[in-house]
N, C-alpha and C. Protein backbone atom coordinates (compact mmCIF):
# COMPACT_ATOMS: atom_id res chain seq x y z
N MET A 1 105.34 49.81 103.91
CA MET A 1 105.04 48.48 104.40
C MET A 1 104.04 48.53 105.57
N GLU A 2 104.22 49.51 106.44
CA GLU A 2 103.30 49.67 107.58
C GLU A 2 101.89 49.97 107.11
N ASP A 3 101.77 50.79 106.05
CA ASP A 3 100.45 51.09 105.50
C ASP A 3 99.79 49.85 104.92
N LEU A 4 100.58 49.01 104.31
CA LEU A 4 100.06 47.77 103.72
C LEU A 4 99.54 46.83 104.82
N ILE A 5 100.31 46.72 105.89
CA ILE A 5 99.89 45.88 107.02
C ILE A 5 98.64 46.46 107.68
N GLU A 6 98.64 47.78 107.85
CA GLU A 6 97.48 48.45 108.45
C GLU A 6 96.22 48.22 107.62
N THR A 7 96.34 48.31 106.32
CA THR A 7 95.21 48.09 105.43
C THR A 7 94.72 46.65 105.50
N ALA A 8 95.65 45.71 105.68
CA ALA A 8 95.28 44.30 105.71
C ALA A 8 94.52 43.93 106.98
N ILE A 9 94.77 44.63 108.08
CA ILE A 9 94.13 44.25 109.34
C ILE A 9 92.98 45.17 109.75
N VAL A 10 92.60 46.10 108.89
CA VAL A 10 91.51 47.01 109.23
C VAL A 10 90.19 46.24 109.43
N GLN A 11 89.85 45.38 108.51
CA GLN A 11 88.59 44.65 108.60
C GLN A 11 88.53 43.72 109.83
N PRO A 12 89.57 42.89 110.08
CA PRO A 12 89.51 42.06 111.30
C PRO A 12 89.47 42.88 112.58
N ARG A 13 90.16 44.00 112.60
CA ARG A 13 90.15 44.87 113.78
C ARG A 13 88.75 45.45 113.99
N PHE A 14 88.11 45.88 112.92
CA PHE A 14 86.75 46.41 113.02
C PHE A 14 85.78 45.34 113.50
N ASN A 15 85.92 44.13 112.95
CA ASN A 15 85.06 43.02 113.39
C ASN A 15 85.23 42.73 114.87
N ALA A 16 86.48 42.74 115.34
CA ALA A 16 86.74 42.48 116.76
C ALA A 16 86.15 43.59 117.63
N LEU A 17 86.28 44.83 117.19
CA LEU A 17 85.73 45.95 117.95
C LEU A 17 84.21 45.87 118.01
N LEU A 18 83.61 45.54 116.88
CA LEU A 18 82.16 45.41 116.83
C LEU A 18 81.67 44.26 117.71
N LEU A 19 82.38 43.15 117.67
CA LEU A 19 82.02 42.01 118.50
C LEU A 19 82.17 42.33 119.98
N ALA A 20 83.22 43.05 120.35
CA ALA A 20 83.41 43.45 121.75
C ALA A 20 82.32 44.41 122.19
N LEU A 21 81.93 45.32 121.31
CA LEU A 21 80.85 46.25 121.64
C LEU A 21 79.53 45.51 121.87
N PHE A 22 79.21 44.59 120.99
CA PHE A 22 77.98 43.81 121.16
C PHE A 22 78.05 42.92 122.39
N ALA A 23 79.21 42.39 122.70
CA ALA A 23 79.36 41.57 123.91
C ALA A 23 79.12 42.42 125.17
N GLY A 24 79.64 43.64 125.17
CA GLY A 24 79.41 44.54 126.30
C GLY A 24 77.94 44.89 126.46
N ILE A 25 77.28 45.15 125.34
CA ILE A 25 75.85 45.45 125.38
C ILE A 25 75.06 44.24 125.87
N ALA A 26 75.44 43.05 125.41
CA ALA A 26 74.77 41.82 125.86
C ALA A 26 74.97 41.60 127.36
N LEU A 27 76.15 41.90 127.86
CA LEU A 27 76.41 41.76 129.30
C LEU A 27 75.54 42.74 130.09
N CYS A 28 75.43 43.97 129.61
CA CYS A 28 74.57 44.95 130.29
C CYS A 28 73.10 44.53 130.24
N LEU A 29 72.65 44.06 129.09
CA LEU A 29 71.26 43.60 128.99
C LEU A 29 71.00 42.40 129.88
N GLY A 30 71.97 41.52 129.99
CA GLY A 30 71.83 40.38 130.89
C GLY A 30 71.71 40.82 132.34
N ALA A 31 72.55 41.78 132.73
CA ALA A 31 72.48 42.30 134.10
C ALA A 31 71.14 42.96 134.37
N ILE A 32 70.66 43.74 133.41
CA ILE A 32 69.36 44.40 133.58
C ILE A 32 68.24 43.36 133.66
N GLY A 33 68.35 42.32 132.85
CA GLY A 33 67.34 41.25 132.87
C GLY A 33 67.32 40.52 134.19
N ILE A 34 68.50 40.17 134.70
CA ILE A 34 68.56 39.48 136.00
C ILE A 34 68.03 40.38 137.10
N TYR A 35 68.40 41.65 137.07
CA TYR A 35 67.89 42.60 138.06
C TYR A 35 66.37 42.65 137.99
N GLY A 36 65.82 42.72 136.79
CA GLY A 36 64.37 42.80 136.63
C GLY A 36 63.66 41.56 137.13
N VAL A 37 64.18 40.39 136.79
CA VAL A 37 63.55 39.13 137.22
C VAL A 37 63.60 38.99 138.74
N ILE A 38 64.74 39.26 139.33
CA ILE A 38 64.88 39.13 140.79
C ILE A 38 64.04 40.19 141.50
N SER A 39 64.02 41.40 140.97
CA SER A 39 63.21 42.45 141.56
C SER A 39 61.72 42.10 141.50
N TYR A 40 61.30 41.56 140.38
CA TYR A 40 59.90 41.13 140.25
C TYR A 40 59.58 40.00 141.23
N ALA A 41 60.51 39.04 141.35
CA ALA A 41 60.30 37.93 142.28
C ALA A 41 60.20 38.44 143.72
N VAL A 42 61.03 39.41 144.07
CA VAL A 42 60.98 39.97 145.42
C VAL A 42 59.65 40.69 145.63
N THR A 43 59.19 41.41 144.63
CA THR A 43 57.91 42.11 144.76
C THR A 43 56.77 41.11 144.94
N GLN A 44 56.80 40.02 144.18
CA GLN A 44 55.76 39.00 144.28
C GLN A 44 55.80 38.27 145.62
N ARG A 45 56.97 38.18 146.21
CA ARG A 45 57.13 37.43 147.46
C ARG A 45 57.25 38.34 148.68
N THR A 46 56.82 39.59 148.56
CA THR A 46 56.93 40.54 149.68
C THR A 46 56.23 40.01 150.92
N ARG A 47 55.05 39.47 150.74
CA ARG A 47 54.28 38.95 151.89
C ARG A 47 55.04 37.79 152.54
N GLU A 48 55.54 36.87 151.73
CA GLU A 48 56.30 35.73 152.27
C GLU A 48 57.55 36.20 153.02
N ILE A 49 58.25 37.14 152.44
CA ILE A 49 59.47 37.66 153.08
C ILE A 49 59.12 38.36 154.39
N GLY A 50 58.02 39.11 154.39
CA GLY A 50 57.58 39.77 155.62
C GLY A 50 57.25 38.76 156.71
N ILE A 51 56.62 37.66 156.34
CA ILE A 51 56.29 36.62 157.32
C ILE A 51 57.57 35.98 157.84
N ARG A 52 58.51 35.73 156.94
CA ARG A 52 59.80 35.16 157.37
C ARG A 52 60.49 36.06 158.39
N ILE A 53 60.50 37.36 158.10
CA ILE A 53 61.14 38.31 159.02
C ILE A 53 60.37 38.38 160.34
N ALA A 54 59.03 38.36 160.26
CA ALA A 54 58.22 38.39 161.48
C ALA A 54 58.45 37.16 162.34
N LEU A 55 58.75 36.03 161.70
CA LEU A 55 59.00 34.80 162.46
C LEU A 55 60.44 34.68 162.94
N GLY A 56 61.28 35.69 162.63
CA GLY A 56 62.62 35.70 163.18
C GLY A 56 63.76 35.54 162.20
N ALA A 57 63.49 35.56 160.92
CA ALA A 57 64.59 35.46 159.95
C ALA A 57 65.45 36.71 160.02
N GLN A 58 66.74 36.52 159.98
CA GLN A 58 67.68 37.63 160.01
C GLN A 58 67.81 38.23 158.61
N GLN A 59 68.35 39.45 158.55
CA GLN A 59 68.54 40.10 157.25
C GLN A 59 69.46 39.27 156.35
N ARG A 60 70.49 38.69 156.93
CA ARG A 60 71.43 37.91 156.12
C ARG A 60 70.75 36.66 155.54
N ASP A 61 69.75 36.11 156.27
CA ASP A 61 69.01 34.96 155.75
C ASP A 61 68.19 35.35 154.51
N VAL A 62 67.54 36.50 154.59
CA VAL A 62 66.75 36.97 153.45
C VAL A 62 67.67 37.34 152.29
N LEU A 63 68.79 38.00 152.60
CA LEU A 63 69.77 38.33 151.56
C LEU A 63 70.25 37.07 150.84
N SER A 64 70.62 36.07 151.61
CA SER A 64 71.15 34.85 150.99
C SER A 64 70.08 34.12 150.20
N LEU A 65 68.83 34.18 150.66
CA LEU A 65 67.73 33.54 149.93
C LEU A 65 67.56 34.17 148.54
N VAL A 66 67.54 35.48 148.48
CA VAL A 66 67.33 36.19 147.22
C VAL A 66 68.55 36.05 146.31
N VAL A 67 69.74 36.20 146.87
CA VAL A 67 70.95 36.09 146.06
C VAL A 67 71.11 34.66 145.54
N ARG A 68 70.80 33.69 146.36
CA ARG A 68 70.90 32.29 145.92
C ARG A 68 69.97 32.02 144.74
N GLU A 69 68.77 32.57 144.81
CA GLU A 69 67.81 32.40 143.72
C GLU A 69 68.36 33.01 142.41
N GLY A 70 68.90 34.20 142.51
CA GLY A 70 69.46 34.85 141.33
C GLY A 70 70.68 34.15 140.78
N MET A 71 71.54 33.70 141.68
CA MET A 71 72.76 33.04 141.22
C MET A 71 72.48 31.65 140.66
N THR A 72 71.39 31.04 141.10
CA THR A 72 70.99 29.76 140.50
C THR A 72 70.62 29.97 139.04
N LEU A 73 69.83 31.01 138.78
CA LEU A 73 69.47 31.33 137.41
C LEU A 73 70.70 31.66 136.57
N ALA A 74 71.61 32.46 137.15
CA ALA A 74 72.82 32.84 136.43
C ALA A 74 73.71 31.63 136.15
N SER A 75 73.81 30.74 137.10
CA SER A 75 74.65 29.54 136.92
C SER A 75 74.09 28.64 135.82
N ILE A 76 72.78 28.51 135.77
CA ILE A 76 72.16 27.73 134.70
C ILE A 76 72.45 28.38 133.35
N GLY A 77 72.35 29.69 133.29
CA GLY A 77 72.64 30.42 132.05
C GLY A 77 74.09 30.28 131.62
N VAL A 78 75.01 30.35 132.57
CA VAL A 78 76.43 30.19 132.25
C VAL A 78 76.69 28.76 131.76
N GLY A 79 76.08 27.78 132.39
CA GLY A 79 76.25 26.39 131.95
C GLY A 79 75.76 26.19 130.52
N ILE A 80 74.58 26.74 130.21
CA ILE A 80 74.05 26.63 128.85
C ILE A 80 74.96 27.38 127.87
N GLY A 81 75.46 28.53 128.29
CA GLY A 81 76.36 29.30 127.44
C GLY A 81 77.67 28.57 127.15
N LEU A 82 78.21 27.90 128.16
CA LEU A 82 79.44 27.14 127.94
C LEU A 82 79.20 25.96 127.00
N LEU A 83 78.07 25.30 127.16
CA LEU A 83 77.74 24.21 126.23
C LEU A 83 77.59 24.73 124.81
N ALA A 84 76.95 25.88 124.65
CA ALA A 84 76.79 26.47 123.32
C ALA A 84 78.14 26.89 122.75
N ALA A 85 79.03 27.41 123.60
CA ALA A 85 80.36 27.81 123.13
C ALA A 85 81.14 26.60 122.62
N PHE A 86 81.05 25.49 123.33
CA PHE A 86 81.72 24.28 122.87
C PHE A 86 81.10 23.74 121.58
N ALA A 87 79.78 23.89 121.46
CA ALA A 87 79.10 23.39 120.27
C ALA A 87 79.42 24.23 119.03
N LEU A 88 79.72 25.50 119.23
CA LEU A 88 79.96 26.40 118.11
C LEU A 88 81.44 26.67 117.85
N THR A 89 82.32 25.82 118.34
CA THR A 89 83.76 26.07 118.18
C THR A 89 84.21 26.12 116.73
N ARG A 90 83.64 25.32 115.87
CA ARG A 90 84.03 25.33 114.45
C ARG A 90 83.75 26.69 113.81
N TRP A 91 82.58 27.24 114.12
CA TRP A 91 82.22 28.54 113.55
C TRP A 91 83.08 29.66 114.13
N MET A 92 83.39 29.59 115.42
CA MET A 92 84.18 30.64 116.06
C MET A 92 85.64 30.60 115.64
N GLU A 93 86.11 29.47 115.19
CA GLU A 93 87.51 29.30 114.83
C GLU A 93 87.94 30.31 113.77
N THR A 94 87.07 30.64 112.83
CA THR A 94 87.42 31.57 111.76
C THR A 94 87.49 33.01 112.24
N MET A 95 86.92 33.30 113.41
CA MET A 95 86.88 34.67 113.91
C MET A 95 87.93 34.98 114.96
N LEU A 96 88.65 33.97 115.43
CA LEU A 96 89.61 34.17 116.51
C LEU A 96 91.04 34.09 115.98
N PHE A 97 91.87 34.97 116.49
CA PHE A 97 93.28 34.99 116.09
C PHE A 97 94.14 34.86 117.33
N GLY A 98 94.93 33.82 117.39
CA GLY A 98 95.84 33.63 118.52
C GLY A 98 95.20 32.99 119.73
N VAL A 99 93.93 32.62 119.66
CA VAL A 99 93.23 31.99 120.78
C VAL A 99 92.44 30.81 120.23
N ARG A 100 92.56 29.69 120.89
CA ARG A 100 91.74 28.54 120.49
C ARG A 100 90.30 28.78 120.92
N PRO A 101 89.33 28.31 120.16
CA PRO A 101 87.92 28.53 120.52
C PRO A 101 87.54 27.89 121.85
N SER A 102 88.18 26.80 122.20
CA SER A 102 87.85 26.14 123.46
C SER A 102 88.92 26.39 124.52
N ASP A 103 89.50 27.59 124.50
CA ASP A 103 90.54 27.96 125.47
C ASP A 103 89.93 28.00 126.86
N PRO A 104 90.38 27.12 127.77
CA PRO A 104 89.74 27.04 129.09
C PRO A 104 89.90 28.32 129.91
N LEU A 105 91.03 28.99 129.79
CA LEU A 105 91.23 30.22 130.56
C LEU A 105 90.25 31.31 130.13
N THR A 106 90.10 31.48 128.84
CA THR A 106 89.17 32.49 128.33
C THR A 106 87.74 32.18 128.74
N LEU A 107 87.33 30.94 128.57
CA LEU A 107 85.97 30.56 128.95
C LEU A 107 85.74 30.72 130.45
N ALA A 108 86.72 30.39 131.26
CA ALA A 108 86.59 30.53 132.71
C ALA A 108 86.49 32.00 133.12
N VAL A 109 87.31 32.85 132.50
CA VAL A 109 87.28 34.27 132.84
C VAL A 109 85.94 34.88 132.46
N ILE A 110 85.45 34.55 131.29
CA ILE A 110 84.16 35.09 130.86
C ILE A 110 83.02 34.57 131.74
N ALA A 111 83.07 33.29 132.09
CA ALA A 111 82.03 32.74 132.98
C ALA A 111 82.05 33.43 134.34
N LEU A 112 83.24 33.66 134.87
CA LEU A 112 83.35 34.36 136.16
C LEU A 112 82.89 35.80 136.06
N LEU A 113 83.17 36.46 134.92
CA LEU A 113 82.72 37.83 134.72
C LEU A 113 81.19 37.89 134.70
N VAL A 114 80.57 36.97 133.99
CA VAL A 114 79.10 36.94 133.93
C VAL A 114 78.52 36.66 135.32
N LEU A 115 79.13 35.75 136.07
CA LEU A 115 78.64 35.46 137.41
C LEU A 115 78.82 36.66 138.34
N ALA A 116 79.92 37.38 138.20
CA ALA A 116 80.15 38.56 139.03
C ALA A 116 79.13 39.66 138.72
N VAL A 117 78.86 39.88 137.45
CA VAL A 117 77.85 40.87 137.06
C VAL A 117 76.48 40.44 137.56
N SER A 118 76.19 39.16 137.50
CA SER A 118 74.91 38.64 138.00
C SER A 118 74.79 38.86 139.50
N LEU A 119 75.87 38.64 140.21
CA LEU A 119 75.86 38.86 141.66
C LEU A 119 75.57 40.33 141.98
N LEU A 120 76.19 41.22 141.24
CA LEU A 120 75.93 42.65 141.44
C LEU A 120 74.47 43.00 141.11
N ALA A 121 73.93 42.36 140.08
CA ALA A 121 72.54 42.63 139.70
C ALA A 121 71.56 42.12 140.75
N CYS A 122 71.95 41.11 141.51
CA CYS A 122 71.07 40.54 142.55
C CYS A 122 71.14 41.33 143.86
N CYS A 123 72.17 42.12 144.04
CA CYS A 123 72.37 42.78 145.34
C CYS A 123 71.29 43.80 145.69
N ALA A 124 70.89 44.64 144.73
CA ALA A 124 69.90 45.69 145.04
C ALA A 124 68.54 45.08 145.43
N PRO A 125 67.99 44.14 144.66
CA PRO A 125 66.72 43.55 145.11
C PRO A 125 66.87 42.78 146.42
N ALA A 126 68.03 42.17 146.65
CA ALA A 126 68.23 41.42 147.90
C ALA A 126 68.25 42.38 149.09
N ARG A 127 68.91 43.52 148.94
CA ARG A 127 68.93 44.50 150.04
C ARG A 127 67.54 45.04 150.30
N ARG A 128 66.79 45.28 149.22
CA ARG A 128 65.43 45.77 149.39
C ARG A 128 64.57 44.73 150.10
N ALA A 129 64.77 43.46 149.78
CA ALA A 129 64.00 42.38 150.42
C ALA A 129 64.36 42.27 151.89
N ALA A 130 65.63 42.48 152.22
CA ALA A 130 66.07 42.35 153.61
C ALA A 130 65.51 43.46 154.50
N LYS A 131 65.14 44.58 153.88
CA LYS A 131 64.63 45.71 154.65
C LYS A 131 63.10 45.78 154.68
N VAL A 132 62.45 44.70 154.28
CA VAL A 132 60.99 44.68 154.28
C VAL A 132 60.49 44.78 155.72
N ASP A 133 59.54 45.67 155.92
CA ASP A 133 58.91 45.81 157.23
C ASP A 133 57.79 44.77 157.31
N PRO A 134 57.85 43.86 158.29
CA PRO A 134 56.84 42.79 158.35
C PRO A 134 55.41 43.31 158.44
N LEU A 135 55.20 44.39 159.17
CA LEU A 135 53.84 44.94 159.31
C LEU A 135 53.32 45.44 157.97
N MET A 136 54.17 46.14 157.23
CA MET A 136 53.75 46.66 155.92
C MET A 136 53.58 45.53 154.91
N ALA A 137 54.41 44.50 155.02
CA ALA A 137 54.32 43.36 154.11
C ALA A 137 53.02 42.60 154.30
N LEU A 138 52.57 42.50 155.54
CA LEU A 138 51.32 41.79 155.80
C LEU A 138 50.12 42.59 155.34
N LYS A 139 50.24 43.92 155.31
CA LYS A 139 49.17 44.78 154.81
C LYS A 139 49.19 44.84 153.29
N TYR A 140 50.32 44.46 152.69
CA TYR A 140 50.50 44.54 151.24
C TYR A 140 49.46 43.67 150.53
N GLU A 141 48.91 44.16 149.45
CA GLU A 141 47.89 43.51 148.63
C GLU A 141 46.60 43.72 149.32
């Protein structure tokens, strides 16, 4: 009987594993993308950041400026993702077992996970921006 049950759930288990693997890869690609966009923005704004620091901006001000920019992008993405999740509930219903497609706890946990990963992806470019030397930034370009 155990073999019969095991045989019956092999395909759904494989599908769930594959979906989890792709979700993990998508999360990593999203983090790399956010890191790249924020890093590029910091590079493009090196002169502006140097002027801000030369005029008296503190490191925490520059950090919050860069992190706020990244988290704004991430928040917009999470909002669009939640809207898409609600729009696709009929299709997802056939793939979920024991969880409703519009389960608020699951959606909230995933949204918070994406925001946390986004925050981590913004930290390295923000720290680099906070350590910009104003003299070198003004010579830049």
